N, C-alpha and C. Protein backbone atom coordinates (compact mmCIF):
# COMPACT_ATOMS: atom_id res chain seq x y z
N UNK A 1 196.16 -63.98 -22.26
CA UNK A 1 196.89 -62.80 -21.55
C UNK A 1 198.66 -63.72 -22.22
N UNK A 2 198.75 -64.86 -22.07
CA UNK A 2 199.85 -65.09 -22.08
C UNK A 2 200.36 -64.97 -23.65
N UNK A 3 199.51 -64.75 -24.62
CA UNK A 3 199.86 -64.98 -25.94
C UNK A 3 200.37 -63.41 -26.72
N UNK A 4 199.54 -62.68 -25.95
CA UNK A 4 199.45 -61.19 -25.67
C UNK A 4 200.89 -60.42 -25.52
N UNK A 5 201.31 -61.12 -24.26
CA UNK A 5 202.58 -61.25 -23.78
C UNK A 5 203.53 -61.37 -24.95
N UNK A 6 203.54 -62.77 -25.42
CA UNK A 6 204.48 -63.23 -25.72
C UNK A 6 205.01 -62.76 -27.56
N UNK A 7 203.33 -61.95 -27.96
CA UNK A 7 203.65 -60.99 -29.16
C UNK A 7 204.30 -59.81 -28.90
N UNK A 8 203.72 -59.48 -27.81
CA UNK A 8 204.81 -57.82 -27.48
C UNK A 8 205.87 -58.01 -27.34
N UNK A 9 206.35 -59.11 -26.85
CA UNK A 9 207.98 -59.24 -25.83
C UNK A 9 208.76 -59.37 -27.37
N UNK A 10 207.87 -60.45 -28.60
CA UNK A 10 208.56 -60.79 -30.15
C UNK A 10 208.73 -59.53 -30.84
N UNK A 11 207.76 -58.73 -30.91
CA UNK A 11 207.87 -57.33 -31.37
C UNK A 11 208.63 -56.18 -30.52
N UNK A 12 209.18 -56.66 -29.43
CA UNK A 12 210.09 -55.46 -28.59
C UNK A 12 211.55 -56.56 -29.29
N UNK A 13 211.79 -57.69 -29.26
CA UNK A 13 213.11 -58.06 -29.99
C UNK A 13 213.34 -58.33 -31.42
N UNK A 14 212.34 -57.83 -32.20
CA UNK A 14 212.54 -57.63 -33.52
C UNK A 14 212.97 -56.12 -33.71
N UNK A 15 212.08 -55.18 -32.84
CA UNK A 15 212.77 -53.82 -32.91
C UNK A 15 214.20 -53.49 -32.36
N UNK A 16 214.07 -54.27 -31.49
CA UNK A 16 215.78 -54.24 -31.24
C UNK A 16 216.71 -54.58 -31.97
N UNK A 17 216.50 -56.19 -32.51
CA UNK A 17 217.42 -56.29 -33.62
C UNK A 17 217.67 -55.54 -35.11
N UNK A 18 216.62 -54.73 -34.98
CA UNK A 18 216.58 -53.82 -36.11
C UNK A 18 217.20 -52.28 -35.87
N UNK A 19 216.99 -52.27 -34.80
CA UNK A 19 218.18 -51.24 -34.22
C UNK A 19 219.81 -51.19 -33.94
N UNK A 20 219.93 -52.64 -33.79
CA UNK A 20 221.21 -52.85 -33.42
C UNK A 20 221.87 -52.74 -34.62
N UNK A 21 221.02 -54.07 -35.55
CA UNK A 21 221.46 -53.92 -36.84
C UNK A 21 221.86 -52.51 -37.84
N UNK A 22 220.49 -51.62 -37.56
CA UNK A 22 220.87 -50.27 -38.23
C UNK A 22 222.50 -49.98 -37.79
N UNK A 23 222.73 -49.64 -36.54
CA UNK A 23 224.08 -49.07 -36.46
C UNK A 23 225.07 -50.14 -36.76
N UNK A 24 225.07 -51.11 -36.75
CA UNK A 24 225.98 -51.87 -37.33
C UNK A 24 226.24 -51.78 -38.50
N UNK A 25 225.38 -51.31 -39.45
CA UNK A 25 225.37 -51.31 -40.76
C UNK A 25 225.84 -49.78 -41.10
N UNK A 26 225.44 -49.11 -40.12
CA UNK A 26 226.21 -47.76 -39.91
C UNK A 26 228.02 -47.79 -39.90
N UNK A 27 228.24 -48.40 -38.82
CA UNK A 27 229.73 -48.49 -38.54
C UNK A 27 230.53 -49.07 -39.76
N UNK A 28 229.87 -50.11 -40.18
CA UNK A 28 230.55 -51.15 -41.37
C UNK A 28 230.79 -50.11 -42.04
N UNK A 29 229.82 -48.89 -42.66
CA UNK A 29 229.99 -48.24 -43.61
C UNK A 29 230.45 -46.60 -43.35
N UNK A 30 230.77 -46.71 -41.67
CA UNK A 30 231.74 -45.22 -41.34
C UNK A 30 233.27 -45.75 -41.56
N UNK A 31 233.99 -46.51 -42.10
CA UNK A 31 235.55 -46.54 -42.36
C UNK A 31 235.79 -45.70 -43.50
N UNK A 32 236.46 -44.86 -43.33
CA UNK A 32 237.57 -44.02 -44.29
C UNK A 32 238.79 -44.40 -44.46
N UNK A 33 238.69 -43.90 -45.72
CA UNK A 33 240.66 -44.65 -46.12
C UNK A 33 241.45 -43.03 -45.66
N UNK A 34 242.71 -43.28 -45.08
CA UNK A 34 243.61 -42.09 -44.25
C UNK A 34 245.11 -42.49 -45.24
N UNK A 35 244.85 -43.18 -46.57
CA UNK A 35 245.77 -43.61 -47.31
C UNK A 35 246.61 -42.25 -47.68
N UNK A 36 245.45 -41.08 -48.33
CA UNK A 36 246.20 -39.89 -48.90
C UNK A 36 246.61 -38.96 -47.89
N UNK A 37 246.13 -38.71 -46.57
CA UNK A 37 246.37 -37.73 -45.66
C UNK A 37 247.45 -38.39 -44.86
N UNK A 38 247.72 -39.43 -44.54
CA UNK A 38 248.89 -39.84 -43.24
C UNK A 38 249.51 -40.97 -43.91
N UNK A 39 250.60 -40.95 -43.51
CA UNK A 39 251.94 -41.69 -44.20
C UNK A 39 251.62 -43.21 -43.49
N UNK A 40 251.66 -44.17 -43.99
CA UNK A 40 251.40 -45.59 -43.21
C UNK A 40 252.85 -46.39 -43.14
N UNK A 41 252.91 -46.19 -41.93
CA UNK A 41 254.23 -47.25 -41.82
C UNK A 41 254.09 -48.15 -40.51
N UNK A 42 255.09 -49.31 -40.69
CA UNK A 42 254.65 -50.05 -39.17
C UNK A 42 255.53 -51.39 -39.61
N UNK A 43 255.92 -52.46 -38.57
CA UNK A 43 256.95 -53.10 -38.87
C UNK A 43 256.58 -54.20 -39.75
N UNK A 44 255.01 -54.99 -39.58
CA UNK A 44 254.78 -55.50 -40.30
C UNK A 44 253.23 -55.54 -41.00
N UNK A 45 252.83 -55.73 -42.26
CA UNK A 45 251.74 -55.50 -42.93
C UNK A 45 250.95 -56.73 -43.08
N UNK A 46 249.85 -56.97 -43.02
CA UNK A 46 249.06 -58.06 -42.93
C UNK A 46 247.96 -58.25 -44.23
N UNK A 47 248.16 -58.85 -45.11
CA UNK A 47 246.72 -58.63 -46.12
C UNK A 47 246.07 -59.87 -45.78
N UNK A 48 244.66 -59.57 -45.89
CA UNK A 48 243.57 -60.54 -45.59
C UNK A 48 243.25 -60.76 -46.96
N UNK A 49 243.60 -61.89 -47.11
CA UNK A 49 243.21 -62.38 -48.78
C UNK A 49 241.95 -62.44 -48.86
N UNK A 50 241.11 -62.34 -50.39
CA UNK A 50 239.67 -62.68 -50.57
C UNK A 50 239.33 -61.41 -51.15
N UNK A 51 239.96 -60.43 -51.68
CA UNK A 51 239.54 -59.73 -52.44
C UNK A 51 240.74 -59.42 -53.69
N UNK A 52 240.59 -58.80 -54.82
CA UNK A 52 241.19 -58.76 -55.84
C UNK A 52 242.02 -56.72 -55.62
N UNK A 53 243.45 -57.14 -55.57
CA UNK A 53 244.53 -55.93 -55.41
C UNK A 53 244.80 -56.07 -53.95
N UNK A 54 244.60 -56.57 -53.14
CA UNK A 54 244.66 -57.11 -51.93
C UNK A 54 246.45 -56.96 -51.57
N UNK A 55 246.52 -57.94 -52.17
CA UNK A 55 248.17 -58.55 -52.28
C UNK A 55 249.25 -57.33 -52.79
N UNK A 56 248.85 -56.80 -54.31
CA UNK A 56 249.37 -55.55 -54.73
C UNK A 56 249.19 -54.41 -53.80
N UNK A 57 248.25 -54.41 -53.61
CA UNK A 57 248.30 -53.03 -51.95
C UNK A 57 249.60 -53.38 -51.15
N UNK A 58 249.80 -54.86 -50.69
CA UNK A 58 250.76 -54.95 -50.02
C UNK A 58 252.16 -55.35 -50.29
N UNK A 59 252.05 -55.76 -51.34
CA UNK A 59 253.53 -55.56 -52.03
C UNK A 59 254.09 -54.18 -52.28
N UNK A 60 253.29 -53.25 -52.53
CA UNK A 60 253.25 -51.64 -52.73
C UNK A 60 254.35 -51.16 -51.45
N UNK A 61 253.32 -51.37 -50.54
CA UNK A 61 253.57 -50.95 -49.18
C UNK A 61 255.19 -51.74 -48.80
N UNK A 62 255.31 -52.87 -49.30
CA UNK A 62 256.76 -53.54 -49.03
C UNK A 62 257.59 -52.78 -49.82
N UNK A 63 257.79 -52.48 -51.31
CA UNK A 63 258.56 -51.82 -52.04
C UNK A 63 258.87 -50.75 -51.41
N UNK A 64 257.99 -49.90 -51.08
CA UNK A 64 258.00 -48.38 -50.76
C UNK A 64 258.53 -48.40 -49.29
N UNK A 65 258.75 -49.61 -48.67
CA UNK A 65 259.62 -49.56 -47.02
C UNK A 65 258.62 -48.91 -46.06
N UNK A 66 257.40 -48.68 -46.51
CA UNK A 66 256.36 -48.70 -45.76
C UNK A 66 256.39 -49.93 -44.77
N UNK A 67 256.73 -50.81 -44.93
CA UNK A 67 256.46 -51.92 -43.97
C UNK A 67 257.91 -52.81 -44.09
N UNK A 68 258.03 -53.75 -43.14
CA UNK A 68 259.35 -54.09 -43.24
C UNK A 68 258.89 -55.89 -43.37
N UNK A 69 258.16 -56.42 -43.28
CA UNK A 69 257.84 -57.39 -43.57
C UNK A 69 256.24 -57.72 -43.99
N UNK A 70 256.29 -58.81 -44.60
CA UNK A 70 254.86 -58.47 -45.70
C UNK A 70 254.38 -60.14 -44.89
N UNK A 71 252.75 -60.75 -44.25
CA UNK A 71 252.26 -61.73 -44.20
C UNK A 71 250.99 -61.52 -44.93
N UNK A 72 250.72 -62.49 -46.03
CA UNK A 72 249.81 -62.71 -47.02
C UNK A 72 248.99 -64.17 -46.19
N UNK A 73 247.70 -63.81 -45.38
CA UNK A 73 247.47 -64.51 -44.41
C UNK A 73 245.94 -65.16 -45.51
N UNK A 74 245.61 -66.33 -45.32
CA UNK A 74 244.66 -67.03 -46.02
C UNK A 74 244.79 -67.53 -47.22
N UNK A 75 245.91 -67.66 -47.60
CA UNK A 75 246.43 -68.51 -48.75
C UNK A 75 246.16 -69.72 -48.92
N UNK A 76 246.05 -70.27 -50.43
CA UNK A 76 246.08 -71.70 -50.37
C UNK A 76 246.99 -72.43 -49.80
N UNK A 77 246.88 -73.64 -49.27
CA UNK A 77 248.01 -74.49 -48.82
C UNK A 77 248.90 -74.98 -49.66
N UNK A 78 248.16 -75.17 -50.81
CA UNK A 78 249.13 -75.76 -52.25
C UNK A 78 249.86 -74.39 -53.07
N UNK A 79 249.66 -73.27 -52.69
CA UNK A 79 250.54 -72.14 -53.62
C UNK A 79 251.60 -71.41 -53.11
N UNK A 80 252.36 -70.84 -54.04
CA UNK A 80 253.56 -70.19 -53.50
C UNK A 80 252.99 -68.67 -53.97
N UNK A 81 254.31 -67.77 -54.01
CA UNK A 81 253.94 -66.56 -53.74
C UNK A 81 254.06 -66.04 -55.54
N UNK A 82 254.70 -66.95 -55.93
CA UNK A 82 254.54 -66.31 -57.78
C UNK A 82 253.24 -67.09 -58.15
N UNK A 83 252.82 -68.23 -57.81
CA UNK A 83 251.57 -68.11 -58.44
C UNK A 83 250.19 -67.82 -57.82
N UNK A 84 250.51 -67.00 -56.53
CA UNK A 84 249.60 -65.94 -55.82
C UNK A 84 249.62 -64.37 -56.46
N UNK A 85 251.07 -64.32 -56.85
CA UNK A 85 250.68 -62.97 -57.00
C UNK A 85 251.77 -63.01 -58.74
N UNK A 86 251.55 -63.37 -59.69
CA UNK A 86 252.66 -63.30 -60.94
C UNK A 86 253.21 -62.13 -61.40
N UNK A 87 252.42 -61.04 -61.23
CA UNK A 87 253.45 -59.77 -60.88
C UNK A 87 254.81 -59.75 -60.22
N UNK A 88 254.82 -60.76 -59.40
CA UNK A 88 256.30 -60.58 -58.64
C UNK A 88 257.64 -59.99 -59.03
N UNK A 89 257.56 -60.56 -60.72
CA UNK A 89 258.82 -60.24 -61.70
C UNK A 89 259.05 -58.43 -61.65
N UNK A 90 257.90 -57.87 -61.34
CA UNK A 90 258.06 -56.72 -61.30
C UNK A 90 258.37 -55.63 -59.92
N UNK A 91 258.92 -56.32 -58.99
CA UNK A 91 259.08 -56.17 -57.86
C UNK A 91 260.60 -56.51 -57.43
N UNK A 92 261.80 -56.23 -58.09
CA UNK A 92 262.86 -56.76 -57.85
C UNK A 92 263.71 -56.29 -56.51
N UNK A 93 262.92 -55.02 -55.91
CA UNK A 93 263.62 -54.76 -54.71
C UNK A 93 263.40 -55.49 -53.62
N UNK A 94 262.03 -56.51 -53.90
CA UNK A 94 261.76 -57.02 -52.79
C UNK A 94 262.21 -58.29 -52.43
N UNK A 95 262.93 -58.90 -51.25
CA UNK A 95 263.55 -60.04 -51.12
C UNK A 95 262.59 -60.88 -50.53
N UNK A 96 262.47 -62.12 -51.28
CA UNK A 96 261.40 -63.12 -50.97
C UNK A 96 261.30 -63.45 -49.48
N UNK A 97 262.43 -63.51 -48.58
CA UNK A 97 262.47 -63.76 -47.33
C UNK A 97 261.18 -62.60 -46.61
N UNK A 98 261.14 -61.69 -47.11
CA UNK A 98 260.51 -60.55 -46.58
C UNK A 98 258.87 -60.60 -46.69
N UNK A 99 258.26 -61.76 -47.28
CA UNK A 99 257.20 -62.29 -47.70
C UNK A 99 256.97 -63.74 -46.81
N UNK A 100 255.96 -63.58 -45.92
CA UNK A 100 255.55 -65.06 -45.43
C UNK A 100 253.92 -65.11 -45.64
N UNK A 101 253.94 -66.54 -46.33
CA UNK A 101 252.71 -66.95 -46.46
C UNK A 101 251.96 -67.75 -45.10
N UNK A 102 250.85 -67.25 -44.97
CA UNK A 102 250.13 -67.86 -43.83
C UNK A 102 249.03 -68.66 -44.82
N UNK A 103 248.89 -70.25 -44.40
CA UNK A 103 248.06 -71.01 -45.12
C UNK A 103 247.13 -71.53 -44.41
N UNK A 104 247.14 -71.28 -43.40
CA UNK A 104 245.67 -72.18 -42.48
C UNK A 104 244.52 -71.55 -42.01
N UNK A 105 244.16 -70.05 -42.11
CA UNK A 105 243.08 -69.60 -42.36
C UNK A 105 242.04 -69.68 -43.05
N UNK A 106 241.14 -69.72 -42.55
CA UNK A 106 239.91 -69.20 -43.73
C UNK A 106 239.16 -68.64 -43.56
N UNK A 107 239.57 -67.88 -42.50
CA UNK A 107 238.45 -66.27 -41.63
C UNK A 107 238.76 -65.32 -41.68
N UNK A 108 238.29 -64.25 -40.94
CA UNK A 108 239.03 -63.17 -40.79
C UNK A 108 239.20 -63.65 -39.03
N UNK A 109 238.34 -64.28 -38.51
CA UNK A 109 239.08 -64.53 -37.17
C UNK A 109 240.30 -65.28 -37.17
N UNK A 110 240.48 -66.27 -37.65
CA UNK A 110 241.48 -67.29 -38.41
C UNK A 110 242.75 -66.48 -39.32
N UNK A 111 242.53 -65.41 -39.51
CA UNK A 111 243.49 -64.36 -39.93
C UNK A 111 244.10 -64.18 -38.88
N UNK A 112 243.46 -63.34 -38.03
CA UNK A 112 244.06 -63.02 -36.49
C UNK A 112 244.77 -64.16 -35.81
N UNK A 113 244.21 -65.06 -35.68
CA UNK A 113 244.69 -66.03 -34.79
C UNK A 113 246.04 -66.44 -35.17
N UNK A 114 245.76 -66.82 -36.61
CA UNK A 114 247.40 -67.57 -37.52
C UNK A 114 248.50 -66.52 -37.85
N UNK A 115 248.19 -65.30 -37.84
CA UNK A 115 249.00 -64.14 -38.03
C UNK A 115 249.72 -63.68 -36.74
N UNK A 116 249.13 -63.71 -35.30
CA UNK A 116 249.67 -63.32 -34.47
C UNK A 116 251.03 -64.28 -34.13
N UNK A 117 251.19 -65.53 -34.35
CA UNK A 117 252.63 -66.27 -34.11
C UNK A 117 253.32 -65.77 -34.59
N UNK A 118 253.19 -65.47 -36.08
CA UNK A 118 254.25 -65.39 -36.98
C UNK A 118 254.76 -63.77 -36.85
N UNK A 119 253.92 -62.66 -36.21
CA UNK A 119 253.81 -61.53 -36.19
C UNK A 119 255.05 -61.58 -34.70
N UNK A 120 254.56 -62.47 -34.00
CA UNK A 120 255.74 -62.62 -32.40
C UNK A 120 257.30 -62.80 -32.83
N UNK A 121 257.15 -64.07 -34.08
CA UNK A 121 258.31 -64.84 -34.37
C UNK A 121 259.14 -63.54 -35.32
N UNK A 122 258.49 -62.49 -36.06
CA UNK A 122 259.14 -61.47 -36.79
C UNK A 122 259.70 -60.49 -36.00
N UNK A 123 259.03 -60.03 -34.71
CA UNK A 123 259.87 -59.29 -33.85
C UNK A 123 258.58 -57.53 -34.19
N UNK A 124 257.61 -58.05 -34.98
CA UNK A 124 256.77 -56.71 -35.18
C UNK A 124 256.43 -55.86 -33.84
N UNK A 125 256.48 -54.72 -33.72
CA UNK A 125 256.31 -54.12 -32.92
C UNK A 125 254.57 -53.28 -33.18
N UNK A 126 254.43 -53.26 -34.03
CA UNK A 126 253.26 -52.69 -34.82
C UNK A 126 252.71 -53.40 -36.13
N UNK A 127 252.01 -53.17 -36.18
CA UNK A 127 251.20 -54.17 -37.87
C UNK A 127 250.45 -53.21 -38.40
N UNK A 128 250.02 -53.61 -39.76
CA UNK A 128 249.23 -52.89 -40.86
C UNK A 128 248.39 -53.59 -41.61
N UNK A 129 247.33 -53.65 -41.20
CA UNK A 129 246.10 -54.47 -41.65
C UNK A 129 245.87 -54.22 -43.09
N UNK A 130 245.92 -54.72 -44.16
CA UNK A 130 245.63 -54.58 -45.43
C UNK A 130 244.33 -55.45 -45.92
N UNK A 131 243.20 -54.51 -46.33
CA UNK A 131 242.07 -55.18 -46.82
C UNK A 131 241.31 -54.32 -47.26
N UNK A 132 240.16 -54.09 -47.84
CA UNK A 132 239.16 -53.53 -48.34
C UNK A 132 238.37 -52.68 -47.32
N UNK A 133 237.70 -51.52 -47.88
CA UNK A 133 237.25 -50.38 -47.08
C UNK A 133 235.94 -51.21 -46.45
N UNK A 134 235.19 -52.29 -47.12
CA UNK A 134 234.29 -53.16 -46.51
C UNK A 134 234.27 -54.25 -45.92
N UNK A 135 235.66 -54.37 -45.50
CA UNK A 135 236.23 -55.80 -44.41
C UNK A 135 236.69 -54.81 -43.48
N UNK A 136 237.28 -53.78 -43.43
CA UNK A 136 237.91 -53.33 -42.58
C UNK A 136 237.38 -53.03 -41.13
N UNK A 137 236.15 -52.43 -40.80
CA UNK A 137 235.54 -52.38 -39.67
C UNK A 137 235.71 -53.56 -38.95
N UNK A 138 235.29 -54.87 -39.61
CA UNK A 138 235.39 -56.27 -38.56
C UNK A 138 236.72 -56.69 -38.34
N UNK A 139 237.68 -56.41 -39.38
CA UNK A 139 239.09 -56.79 -39.53
C UNK A 139 239.64 -56.12 -38.18
N UNK A 140 239.34 -55.04 -38.24
CA UNK A 140 240.34 -54.18 -37.52
C UNK A 140 239.62 -54.71 -35.63
N UNK A 141 238.26 -54.80 -35.67
CA UNK A 141 237.94 -55.16 -34.09
C UNK A 141 238.06 -56.42 -34.51
N UNK A 142 238.48 -57.58 -34.87
CA UNK A 142 239.26 -58.89 -34.72
C UNK A 142 240.37 -58.56 -34.68
N UNK A 143 241.42 -58.33 -34.81
CA UNK A 143 242.64 -58.21 -34.58
C UNK A 143 242.81 -57.35 -33.25
N UNK A 144 241.74 -55.83 -33.17
CA UNK A 144 241.83 -55.90 -31.65
C UNK A 144 242.02 -57.17 -30.51
N UNK A 145 241.02 -57.85 -30.80
CA UNK A 145 240.47 -58.55 -29.89
C UNK A 145 241.35 -59.67 -29.83
N UNK A 146 242.19 -60.21 -30.34
CA UNK A 146 242.89 -61.58 -30.67
C UNK A 146 244.65 -60.72 -30.09
N UNK A 147 244.98 -59.71 -30.54
CA UNK A 147 246.42 -59.32 -30.44
C UNK A 147 246.45 -58.79 -29.00
N UNK A 148 247.59 -58.67 -28.61
CA UNK A 148 247.63 -57.93 -27.43
C UNK A 148 247.37 -56.23 -27.50
N UNK A 149 246.95 -56.06 -26.03
CA UNK A 149 246.87 -55.03 -25.96
C UNK A 149 247.71 -53.62 -26.45
N UNK A 150 248.92 -54.22 -26.14
CA UNK A 150 250.09 -53.18 -26.42
C UNK A 150 250.56 -53.28 -28.20
N UNK A 151 250.13 -53.90 -28.56
CA UNK A 151 250.68 -53.64 -29.74
C UNK A 151 249.48 -52.86 -30.58
N UNK A 152 250.48 -52.11 -31.64
CA UNK A 152 249.64 -50.80 -32.22
C UNK A 152 249.20 -51.70 -33.70
N UNK A 153 248.02 -51.50 -33.70
CA UNK A 153 247.57 -51.99 -34.92
C UNK A 153 246.91 -51.03 -35.94
N UNK A 154 247.72 -50.58 -36.99
CA UNK A 154 247.13 -50.06 -37.88
C UNK A 154 246.24 -50.02 -39.07
N UNK A 155 245.90 -49.22 -40.26
CA UNK A 155 244.98 -49.88 -41.12
C UNK A 155 245.25 -49.02 -42.16
N UNK A 156 245.37 -50.00 -43.23
CA UNK A 156 245.52 -49.54 -45.00
C UNK A 156 244.78 -50.19 -45.96
N UNK A 157 243.76 -49.42 -46.03
CA UNK A 157 242.61 -49.80 -47.10
C UNK A 157 243.07 -49.80 -48.50
N UNK A 158 242.83 -50.51 -49.57
CA UNK A 158 243.27 -50.44 -51.06
C UNK A 158 242.73 -49.22 -51.32
N UNK A 159 243.57 -48.21 -51.97
CA UNK A 159 243.48 -47.21 -52.80
C UNK A 159 242.56 -47.38 -54.07
N UNK A 160 242.37 -48.52 -54.70
CA UNK A 160 241.31 -48.57 -55.46
C UNK A 160 240.90 -49.96 -55.01
N UNK A 161 239.61 -50.17 -55.16
CA UNK A 161 239.13 -51.72 -54.89
C UNK A 161 238.15 -52.22 -55.88
N UNK A 162 238.65 -53.18 -56.71
CA UNK A 162 237.46 -54.07 -57.53
C UNK A 162 236.61 -54.84 -56.98
N UNK A 163 236.52 -54.28 -55.39
CA UNK A 163 235.45 -55.68 -54.75
C UNK A 163 234.03 -54.08 -55.03
N UNK A 164 233.10 -54.86 -54.91
CA UNK A 164 231.97 -53.95 -55.23
C UNK A 164 231.23 -53.69 -53.68
N UNK A 165 230.74 -52.58 -53.53
CA UNK A 165 230.35 -51.74 -52.33
C UNK A 165 228.73 -51.92 -52.55
N UNK A 166 227.85 -52.63 -53.12
CA UNK A 166 226.85 -52.27 -53.25
C UNK A 166 225.98 -52.40 -51.65
N UNK A 167 224.55 -52.42 -51.90
CA UNK A 167 224.12 -52.42 -50.70
C UNK A 167 224.22 -53.56 -50.35
N UNK A 168 223.94 -54.70 -50.99
CA UNK A 168 223.54 -55.91 -50.47
C UNK A 168 225.19 -56.56 -49.70
N UNK A 169 226.12 -55.87 -50.70
CA UNK A 169 227.28 -56.34 -49.92
C UNK A 169 227.48 -55.94 -48.41
N UNK A 170 227.01 -54.54 -48.42
CA UNK A 170 227.32 -53.94 -47.25
C UNK A 170 226.29 -54.85 -45.86
N UNK A 171 225.24 -55.11 -46.49
CA UNK A 171 223.95 -56.19 -45.52
C UNK A 171 224.89 -57.18 -45.32
N UNK A 172 225.48 -57.60 -46.28
CA UNK A 172 226.29 -59.07 -45.89
C UNK A 172 227.46 -58.52 -44.98
N UNK A 173 228.33 -57.86 -44.75
CA UNK A 173 229.20 -57.53 -44.14
C UNK A 173 228.41 -57.37 -42.39
N UNK A 174 227.46 -56.66 -42.59
CA UNK A 174 227.11 -56.18 -41.45
C UNK A 174 226.43 -57.27 -40.54
N UNK A 175 225.84 -58.89 -41.07
CA UNK A 175 225.75 -59.75 -40.53
C UNK A 175 226.86 -60.59 -39.90
N UNK A 176 228.00 -60.29 -41.21
CA UNK A 176 228.95 -61.10 -40.59
C UNK A 176 229.60 -60.54 -39.30
N UNK A 177 229.51 -58.99 -39.21
CA UNK A 177 230.23 -58.34 -38.15
C UNK A 177 229.02 -58.29 -37.00
N UNK A 178 227.97 -58.62 -37.28
CA UNK A 178 227.04 -58.52 -36.14
C UNK A 178 227.44 -60.41 -35.36
N UNK A 179 227.65 -61.52 -36.19
CA UNK A 179 228.14 -62.21 -36.00
C UNK A 179 229.22 -62.60 -35.16
N UNK A 180 230.39 -61.75 -35.83
CA UNK A 180 231.71 -61.58 -35.04
C UNK A 180 231.56 -60.78 -33.54
N UNK A 181 230.45 -60.44 -33.29
CA UNK A 181 230.23 -58.95 -31.95
C UNK A 181 229.65 -60.43 -31.37
N UNK A 182 229.16 -61.18 -31.71
CA UNK A 182 228.70 -62.06 -30.53
C UNK A 182 229.86 -63.26 -30.23
N UNK A 183 230.58 -63.74 -31.18
CA UNK A 183 231.31 -64.79 -31.09
C UNK A 183 233.37 -64.74 -31.18
N UNK A 184 233.27 -63.31 -31.49
CA UNK A 184 234.86 -62.91 -31.70
C UNK A 184 235.34 -62.05 -30.94
N UNK A 185 234.35 -60.63 -31.39
CA UNK A 185 234.95 -59.66 -30.40
C UNK A 185 234.07 -59.57 -28.82
């Protein structure tokens, strides 16, 4: 009798996990870009490093005056702006003082917690998260959890991402999001 109860309980837990995983998988893939339909403006932009083209996207927003300051979060501690963004010379309209390198974070949660003091020092009233579409769902939820409720958090996905969005990548991002839902949000 006891083995039977344990067996059915195990089946129940497995089915419950599959259902939760499915809804999280759908949520991760449901984020759509609004870059072509809405003007994106904020006091500060925060680039979450980890994928190609994200820094360029942030620099374009800064050059176009869509953001006032740019925080590049998750940078190698031994790097400077010209090393991580060699195209810097093609952006003469950008003042180097408008770009802040955050060099302590190594995770999305770290990006949020380490960027918050910088946002406060820079006096930003609203921010724009700049990352890939695949990473945006977890990033937005994490920043909503870490940042004050009064802070307006906007999103800007890369207009063209070289980051693959295969089924495996989406499964991996779903697992990370499930982990974050227990740990971070």
